[in-house]
């Protein structure tokens, strides 16, 4: 699995925790995800790019399953 795919998987896991387990709104989850440092095999991501990944995951999920809408 590529590092980018691993990042997407981790962001998706965090979205699930923040939105479903902790009951956050999308904006609250984006703030938490944007502040978190994601490190995979020596590469790190943080901030806007990671938030864009999270936003895209939510958009795709809304289209596919109509969940995570808050």
PDB file of N, CA and C in Angstrom:
ATOM      1  N   UNK A   1       0.847  -1.170   0.000  1.00  0.00           N
ATOM      2  CA  UNK A   1       0.000   0.000   0.000  1.00  0.00           C
ATOM      3  C   UNK A   1       0.898   1.241   0.000  1.00  0.00           C
ATOM      4  N   UNK A   2       0.586   2.177  -0.848  1.00  0.00           N
ATOM      5  CA  UNK A   2       1.392   3.393  -0.923  1.00  0.00           C
ATOM      6  C   UNK A   2       1.172   4.258   0.316  1.00  0.00           C
ATOM      7  N   UNK A   3       2.082   5.177   0.538  1.00  0.00           N
ATOM      8  CA  UNK A   3       1.969   6.063   1.696  1.00  0.00           C
ATOM      9  C   UNK A   3       0.728   6.936   1.624  1.00  0.00           C
ATOM     10  N   UNK A   4       0.396   7.374   0.417  1.00  0.00           N
ATOM     11  CA  UNK A   4      -0.797   8.211   0.273  1.00  0.00           C
ATOM     12  C   UNK A   4      -2.058   7.412   0.608  1.00  0.00           C
ATOM     13  N   UNK A   5      -2.128   6.179   0.170  1.00  0.00           N
ATOM     14  CA  UNK A   5      -3.281   5.337   0.500  1.00  0.00           C
ATOM     15  C   UNK A   5      -3.337   5.106   2.004  1.00  0.00           C
ATOM     16  N   UNK A   6      -2.192   4.904   2.630  1.00  0.00           N
ATOM     17  CA  UNK A   6      -2.151   4.736   4.082  1.00  0.00           C
ATOM     18  C   UNK A   6      -2.647   6.000   4.795  1.00  0.00           C
ATOM     19  N   UNK A   7      -2.281   7.155   4.263  1.00  0.00           N
ATOM     20  CA  UNK A   7      -2.770   8.415   4.827  1.00  0.00           C
ATOM     21  C   UNK A   7      -4.288   8.486   4.722  1.00  0.00           C
ATOM     22  N   UNK A   8      -4.818   8.155   3.585  1.00  0.00           N
ATOM     23  CA  UNK A   8      -6.271   8.193   3.380  1.00  0.00           C
ATOM     24  C   UNK A   8      -6.970   7.266   4.361  1.00  0.00           C
ATOM     25  N   UNK A   9      -6.429   6.082   4.558  1.00  0.00           N
ATOM     26  CA  UNK A   9      -7.008   5.132   5.501  1.00  0.00           C
ATOM     27  C   UNK A   9      -7.003   5.703   6.921  1.00  0.00           C
ATOM     28  N   UNK A  10      -5.908   6.312   7.320  1.00  0.00           N
ATOM     29  CA  UNK A  10      -5.819   6.887   8.673  1.00  0.00           C
ATOM     30  C   UNK A  10      -6.783   8.061   8.857  1.00  0.00           C
ATOM     31  N   UNK A  11      -6.893   8.900   7.836  1.00  0.00           N
ATOM     32  CA  UNK A  11      -7.826  10.032   7.921  1.00  0.00           C
ATOM     33  C   UNK A  11      -9.261   9.503   8.003  1.00  0.00           C
ATOM     34  N   UNK A  12      -9.564   8.480   7.238  1.00  0.00           N
ATOM     35  CA  UNK A  12     -10.903   7.892   7.273  1.00  0.00           C
ATOM     36  C   UNK A  12     -11.203   7.317   8.658  1.00  0.00           C
ATOM     37  N   UNK A  13     -10.227   6.658   9.257  1.00  0.00           N
ATOM     38  CA  UNK A  13     -10.397   6.131  10.615  1.00  0.00           C
ATOM     39  C   UNK A  13     -10.649   7.262  11.613  1.00  0.00           C
ATOM     40  N   UNK A  14      -9.886   8.339  11.492  1.00  0.00           N
ATOM     41  CA  UNK A  14     -10.070   9.482  12.396  1.00  0.00           C
ATOM     42  C   UNK A  14     -11.431  10.133  12.193  1.00  0.00           C
ATOM     43  N   UNK A  15     -11.865  10.257  10.947  1.00  0.00           N
ATOM     44  CA  UNK A  15     -13.197  10.812  10.686  1.00  0.00           C
ATOM     45  C   UNK A  15     -14.264   9.984  11.386  1.00  0.00           C
ATOM     46  N   UNK A  16     -14.135   8.684  11.287  1.00  0.00           N
ATOM     47  CA  UNK A  16     -15.099   7.794  11.930  1.00  0.00           C
ATOM     48  C   UNK A  16     -15.127   8.030  13.441  1.00  0.00           C
ATOM     49  N   UNK A  17     -13.964   8.145  14.037  1.00  0.00           N
ATOM     50  CA  UNK A  17     -13.885   8.389  15.481  1.00  0.00           C
ATOM     51  C   UNK A  17     -14.486   9.736  15.840  1.00  0.00           C
ATOM     52  N   UNK A  18     -14.058  10.788  15.140  1.00  0.00           N
ATOM     53  CA  UNK A  18     -14.509  12.134  15.474  1.00  0.00           C
ATOM     54  C   UNK A  18     -16.008  12.331  15.220  1.00  0.00           C
ATOM     55  N   UNK A  19     -16.494  11.833  14.101  1.00  0.00           N
ATOM     56  CA  UNK A  19     -17.892  12.075  13.743  1.00  0.00           C
ATOM     57  C   UNK A  19     -18.848  11.117  14.436  1.00  0.00           C
ATOM     58  N   UNK A  20     -18.499   9.859  14.473  1.00  0.00           N
ATOM     59  CA  UNK A  20     -19.436   8.869  15.008  1.00  0.00           C
ATOM     60  C   UNK A  20     -19.245   8.615  16.494  1.00  0.00           C
ATOM     61  N   UNK A  21     -18.020   8.435  16.940  1.00  0.00           N
ATOM     62  CA  UNK A  21     -17.785   8.118  18.348  1.00  0.00           C
ATOM     63  C   UNK A  21     -17.845   9.362  19.239  1.00  0.00           C
ATOM     64  N   UNK A  22     -17.265  10.466  18.764  1.00  0.00           N
ATOM     65  CA  UNK A  22     -17.213  11.675  19.579  1.00  0.00           C
ATOM     66  C   UNK A  22     -18.331  12.659  19.268  1.00  0.00           C
ATOM     67  N   UNK A  23     -19.086  12.422  18.201  1.00  0.00           N
ATOM     68  CA  UNK A  23     -20.231  13.263  17.878  1.00  0.00           C
ATOM     69  C   UNK A  23     -19.895  14.663  17.409  1.00  0.00           C
ATOM     70  N   UNK A  24     -18.726  14.845  16.831  1.00  0.00           N
ATOM     71  CA  UNK A  24     -18.320  16.167  16.335  1.00  0.00           C
ATOM     72  C   UNK A  24     -19.045  16.508  15.041  1.00  0.00           C
ATOM     73  N   UNK A  25     -19.114  17.806  14.761  1.00  0.00           N
ATOM     74  CA  UNK A  25     -19.590  18.246  13.453  1.00  0.00           C
ATOM     75  C   UNK A  25     -18.452  18.065  12.443  1.00  0.00           C
ATOM     76  N   UNK A  26     -18.771  18.196  11.175  1.00  0.00           N
ATOM     77  CA  UNK A  26     -17.729  18.101  10.149  1.00  0.00           C
ATOM     78  C   UNK A  26     -16.636  19.136  10.392  1.00  0.00           C
ATOM     79  N   UNK A  27     -17.035  20.372  10.669  1.00  0.00           N
ATOM     80  CA  UNK A  27     -16.045  21.434  10.871  1.00  0.00           C
ATOM     81  C   UNK A  27     -15.142  21.153  12.072  1.00  0.00           C
ATOM     82  N   UNK A  28     -15.710  20.631  13.148  1.00  0.00           N
ATOM     83  CA  UNK A  28     -14.895  20.277  14.306  1.00  0.00           C
ATOM     84  C   UNK A  28     -13.904  19.166  13.955  1.00  0.00           C
ATOM     85  N   UNK A  29     -14.377  18.176  13.215  1.00  0.00           N
ATOM     86  CA  UNK A  29     -13.504  17.069  12.803  1.00  0.00           C
ATOM     87  C   UNK A  29     -12.392  17.573  11.888  1.00  0.00           C
ATOM     88  N   UNK A  30     -12.726  18.477  10.964  1.00  0.00           N
ATOM     89  CA  UNK A  30     -11.703  19.029  10.065  1.00  0.00           C
ATOM     90  C   UNK A  30     -10.629  19.763  10.856  1.00  0.00           C
ATOM     91  N   UNK A  31     -11.048  20.511  11.877  1.00  0.00           N
ATOM     92  CA  UNK A  31     -10.093  21.243  12.694  1.00  0.00           C
ATOM     93  C   UNK A  31      -9.149  20.276  13.405  1.00  0.00           C
ATOM     94  N   UNK A  32      -9.688  19.224  13.978  1.00  0.00           N
ATOM     95  CA  UNK A  32      -8.868  18.225  14.675  1.00  0.00           C
ATOM     96  C   UNK A  32      -7.918  17.524  13.708  1.00  0.00           C
ATOM     97  N   UNK A  33      -8.425  17.148  12.560  1.00  0.00           N
ATOM     98  CA  UNK A  33      -7.604  16.448  11.566  1.00  0.00           C
ATOM     99  C   UNK A  33      -6.512  17.363  11.029  1.00  0.00           C
ATOM    100  N   UNK A  34      -6.851  18.623  10.778  1.00  0.00           N
ATOM    101  CA  UNK A  34      -5.863  19.570  10.272  1.00  0.00           C
ATOM    102  C   UNK A  34      -4.737  19.846  11.256  1.00  0.00           C
ATOM    103  N   UNK A  35      -5.033  19.725  12.540  1.00  0.00           N
ATOM    104  CA  UNK A  35      -4.024  19.985  13.570  1.00  0.00           C
ATOM    105  C   UNK A  35      -3.153  18.771  13.873  1.00  0.00           C
ATOM    106  N   UNK A  36      -3.600  17.606  13.422  1.00  0.00           N
ATOM    107  CA  UNK A  36      -2.884  16.368  13.731  1.00  0.00           C
ATOM    108  C   UNK A  36      -1.752  16.139  12.727  1.00  0.00           C
ATOM    109  N   UNK A  37      -0.625  15.655  13.215  1.00  0.00           N
ATOM    110  CA  UNK A  37       0.502  15.305  12.354  1.00  0.00           C
ATOM    111  C   UNK A  37       0.383  13.832  11.986  1.00  0.00           C
ATOM    112  N   UNK A  38       0.277  13.557  10.713  1.00  0.00           N
ATOM    113  CA  UNK A  38       0.215  12.185  10.211  1.00  0.00           C
ATOM    114  C   UNK A  38       1.584  11.818   9.669  1.00  0.00           C
ATOM    115  N   UNK A  39       2.179  10.775  10.217  1.00  0.00           N
ATOM    116  CA  UNK A  39       3.500  10.329   9.770  1.00  0.00           C
ATOM    117  C   UNK A  39       3.404   8.893   9.281  1.00  0.00           C
ATOM    118  N   UNK A  40       3.884   8.680   8.065  1.00  0.00           N
ATOM    119  CA  UNK A  40       3.866   7.357   7.459  1.00  0.00           C
ATOM    120  C   UNK A  40       5.189   7.140   6.748  1.00  0.00           C
ATOM    121  N   UNK A  41       5.924   6.151   7.199  1.00  0.00           N
ATOM    122  CA  UNK A  41       7.203   5.776   6.578  1.00  0.00           C
ATOM    123  C   UNK A  41       8.126   6.976   6.352  1.00  0.00           C
ATOM    124  N   UNK A  42       8.230   7.840   7.330  1.00  0.00           N
ATOM    125  CA  UNK A  42       9.148   8.964   7.247  1.00  0.00           C
ATOM    126  C   UNK A  42       8.600  10.215   6.598  1.00  0.00           C
ATOM    127  N   UNK A  43       7.429  10.144   5.980  1.00  0.00           N
ATOM    128  CA  UNK A  43       6.792  11.335   5.415  1.00  0.00           C
ATOM    129  C   UNK A  43       5.729  11.838   6.383  1.00  0.00           C
ATOM    130  N   UNK A  44       5.589  13.146   6.468  1.00  0.00           N
ATOM    131  CA  UNK A  44       4.588  13.716   7.357  1.00  0.00           C
ATOM    132  C   UNK A  44       3.644  14.629   6.589  1.00  0.00           C
ATOM    133  N   UNK A  45       2.409  14.633   7.055  1.00  0.00           N
ATOM    134  CA  UNK A  45       1.385  15.515   6.504  1.00  0.00           C
ATOM    135  C   UNK A  45       0.652  16.170   7.643  1.00  0.00           C
ATOM    136  N   UNK A  46       0.250  17.418   7.421  1.00  0.00           N
ATOM    137  CA  UNK A  46      -0.520  18.161   8.411  1.00  0.00           C
ATOM    138  C   UNK A  46      -1.167  19.347   7.713  1.00  0.00           C
ATOM    139  N   UNK A  47      -2.307  19.759   8.200  1.00  0.00           N
ATOM    140  CA  UNK A  47      -2.915  20.985   7.709  1.00  0.00           C
ATOM    141  C   UNK A  47      -3.848  20.814   6.535  1.00  0.00           C
ATOM    142  N   UNK A  48      -3.764  21.771   5.623  1.00  0.00           N
ATOM    143  CA  UNK A  48      -4.721  21.895   4.523  1.00  0.00           C
ATOM    144  C   UNK A  48      -4.872  20.680   3.643  1.00  0.00           C
ATOM    145  N   UNK A  49      -3.767  20.035   3.304  1.00  0.00           N
ATOM    146  CA  UNK A  49      -3.861  18.865   2.431  1.00  0.00           C
ATOM    147  C   UNK A  49      -4.658  17.754   3.104  1.00  0.00           C
ATOM    148  N   UNK A  50      -4.387  17.528   4.370  1.00  0.00           N
ATOM    149  CA  UNK A  50      -5.083  16.465   5.103  1.00  0.00           C
ATOM    150  C   UNK A  50      -6.563  16.810   5.257  1.00  0.00           C
ATOM    151  N   UNK A  51      -6.858  18.072   5.476  1.00  0.00           N
ATOM    152  CA  UNK A  51      -8.257  18.503   5.571  1.00  0.00           C
ATOM    153  C   UNK A  51      -8.960  18.275   4.232  1.00  0.00           C
ATOM    154  N   UNK A  52      -8.301  18.559   3.129  1.00  0.00           N
ATOM    155  CA  UNK A  52      -8.899  18.314   1.804  1.00  0.00           C
ATOM    156  C   UNK A  52      -9.191  16.839   1.598  1.00  0.00           C
ATOM    157  N   UNK A  53      -8.289  15.979   2.073  1.00  0.00           N
ATOM    158  CA  UNK A  53      -8.519  14.532   1.999  1.00  0.00           C
ATOM    159  C   UNK A  53      -9.787  14.188   2.784  1.00  0.00           C
ATOM    160  N   UNK A  54      -9.914  14.725   3.992  1.00  0.00           N
ATOM    161  CA  UNK A  54     -11.090  14.466   4.828  1.00  0.00           C
ATOM    162  C   UNK A  54     -12.366  14.974   4.164  1.00  0.00           C
ATOM    163  N   UNK A  55     -12.310  16.159   3.599  1.00  0.00           N
ATOM    164  CA  UNK A  55     -13.482  16.717   2.918  1.00  0.00           C
ATOM    165  C   UNK A  55     -13.908  15.828   1.759  1.00  0.00           C
ATOM    166  N   UNK A  56     -12.946  15.353   0.994  1.00  0.00           N
ATOM    167  CA  UNK A  56     -13.254  14.490  -0.145  1.00  0.00           C
ATOM    168  C   UNK A  56     -13.858  13.161   0.318  1.00  0.00           C
ATOM    169  N   UNK A  57     -13.334  12.611   1.400  1.00  0.00           N
ATOM    170  CA  UNK A  57     -13.894  11.365   1.938  1.00  0.00           C
ATOM    171  C   UNK A  57     -15.345  11.551   2.352  1.00  0.00           C
ATOM    172  N   UNK A  58     -15.645  12.676   2.959  1.00  0.00           N
ATOM    173  CA  UNK A  58     -17.027  12.935   3.357  1.00  0.00           C
ATOM    174  C   UNK A  58     -17.918  13.096   2.136  1.00  0.00           C
ATOM    175  N   UNK A  59     -17.455  13.836   1.143  1.00  0.00           N
ATOM    176  CA  UNK A  59     -18.252  14.007  -0.079  1.00  0.00           C
ATOM    177  C   UNK A  59     -18.519  12.670  -0.760  1.00  0.00           C
ATOM    178  N   UNK A  60     -17.512  11.834  -0.846  1.00  0.00           N
ATOM    179  CA  UNK A  60     -17.696  10.523  -1.469  1.00  0.00           C
ATOM    180  C   UNK A  60     -18.653   9.664  -0.659  1.00  0.00           C
ATOM    181  N   UNK A  61     -18.544   9.746   0.652  1.00  0.00           N
ATOM    182  CA  UNK A  61     -19.407   8.946   1.504  1.00  0.00           C
ATOM    183  C   UNK A  61     -20.853   9.412   1.429  1.00  0.00           C
ATOM    184  N   UNK A  62     -21.059  10.708   1.337  1.00  0.00           N
ATOM    185  CA  UNK A  62     -22.419  11.236   1.194  1.00  0.00           C
ATOM    186  C   UNK A  62     -23.036  10.718  -0.095  1.00  0.00           C
ATOM    187  N   UNK A  63     -22.275  10.746  -1.161  1.00  0.00           N
ATOM    188  CA  UNK A  63     -22.777  10.279  -2.449  1.00  0.00           C
ATOM    189  C   UNK A  63     -23.082   8.788  -2.417  1.00  0.00           C
ATOM    190  N   UNK A  64     -22.224   8.001  -1.749  1.00  0.00           N
ATOM    191  CA  UNK A  64     -22.376   6.553  -1.754  1.00  0.00           C
ATOM    192  C   UNK A  64     -23.391   6.048  -0.744  1.00  0.00           C
ATOM    193  N   UNK A  65     -23.365   6.557   0.478  1.00  0.00           N
ATOM    194  CA  UNK A  65     -24.146   5.944   1.535  1.00  0.00           C
ATOM    195  C   UNK A  65     -25.022   6.910   2.318  1.00  0.00           C
ATOM    196  N   UNK A  66     -24.882   8.183   2.070  1.00  0.00           N
ATOM    197  CA  UNK A  66     -25.657   9.208   2.789  1.00  0.00           C
ATOM    198  C   UNK A  66     -25.475   9.121   4.299  1.00  0.00           C
ATOM    199  N   UNK A  67     -24.225   8.950   4.757  1.00  0.00           N
ATOM    200  CA  UNK A  67     -23.934   8.989   6.183  1.00  0.00           C
ATOM    201  C   UNK A  67     -22.886  10.050   6.437  1.00  0.00           C
ATOM    202  N   UNK A  68     -22.603  10.310   7.679  1.00  0.00           N
ATOM    203  CA  UNK A  68     -21.635  11.308   8.148  1.00  0.00           C
ATOM    204  C   UNK A  68     -22.112  12.728   7.883  1.00  0.00           C
ATOM    205  N   UNK A  69     -23.372  12.923   7.631  1.00  0.00           N
ATOM    206  CA  UNK A  69     -23.881  14.267   7.388  1.00  0.00           C
ATOM    207  C   UNK A  69     -24.290  14.862   8.725  1.00  0.00           C
ATOM    208  N   UNK A  70     -23.664  15.986   9.078  1.00  0.00           N
ATOM    209  CA  UNK A  70     -23.999  16.649  10.336  1.00  0.00           C
ATOM    210  C   UNK A  70     -24.183  18.115  10.082  1.00  0.00           C
TER     211      UNK A  70
END
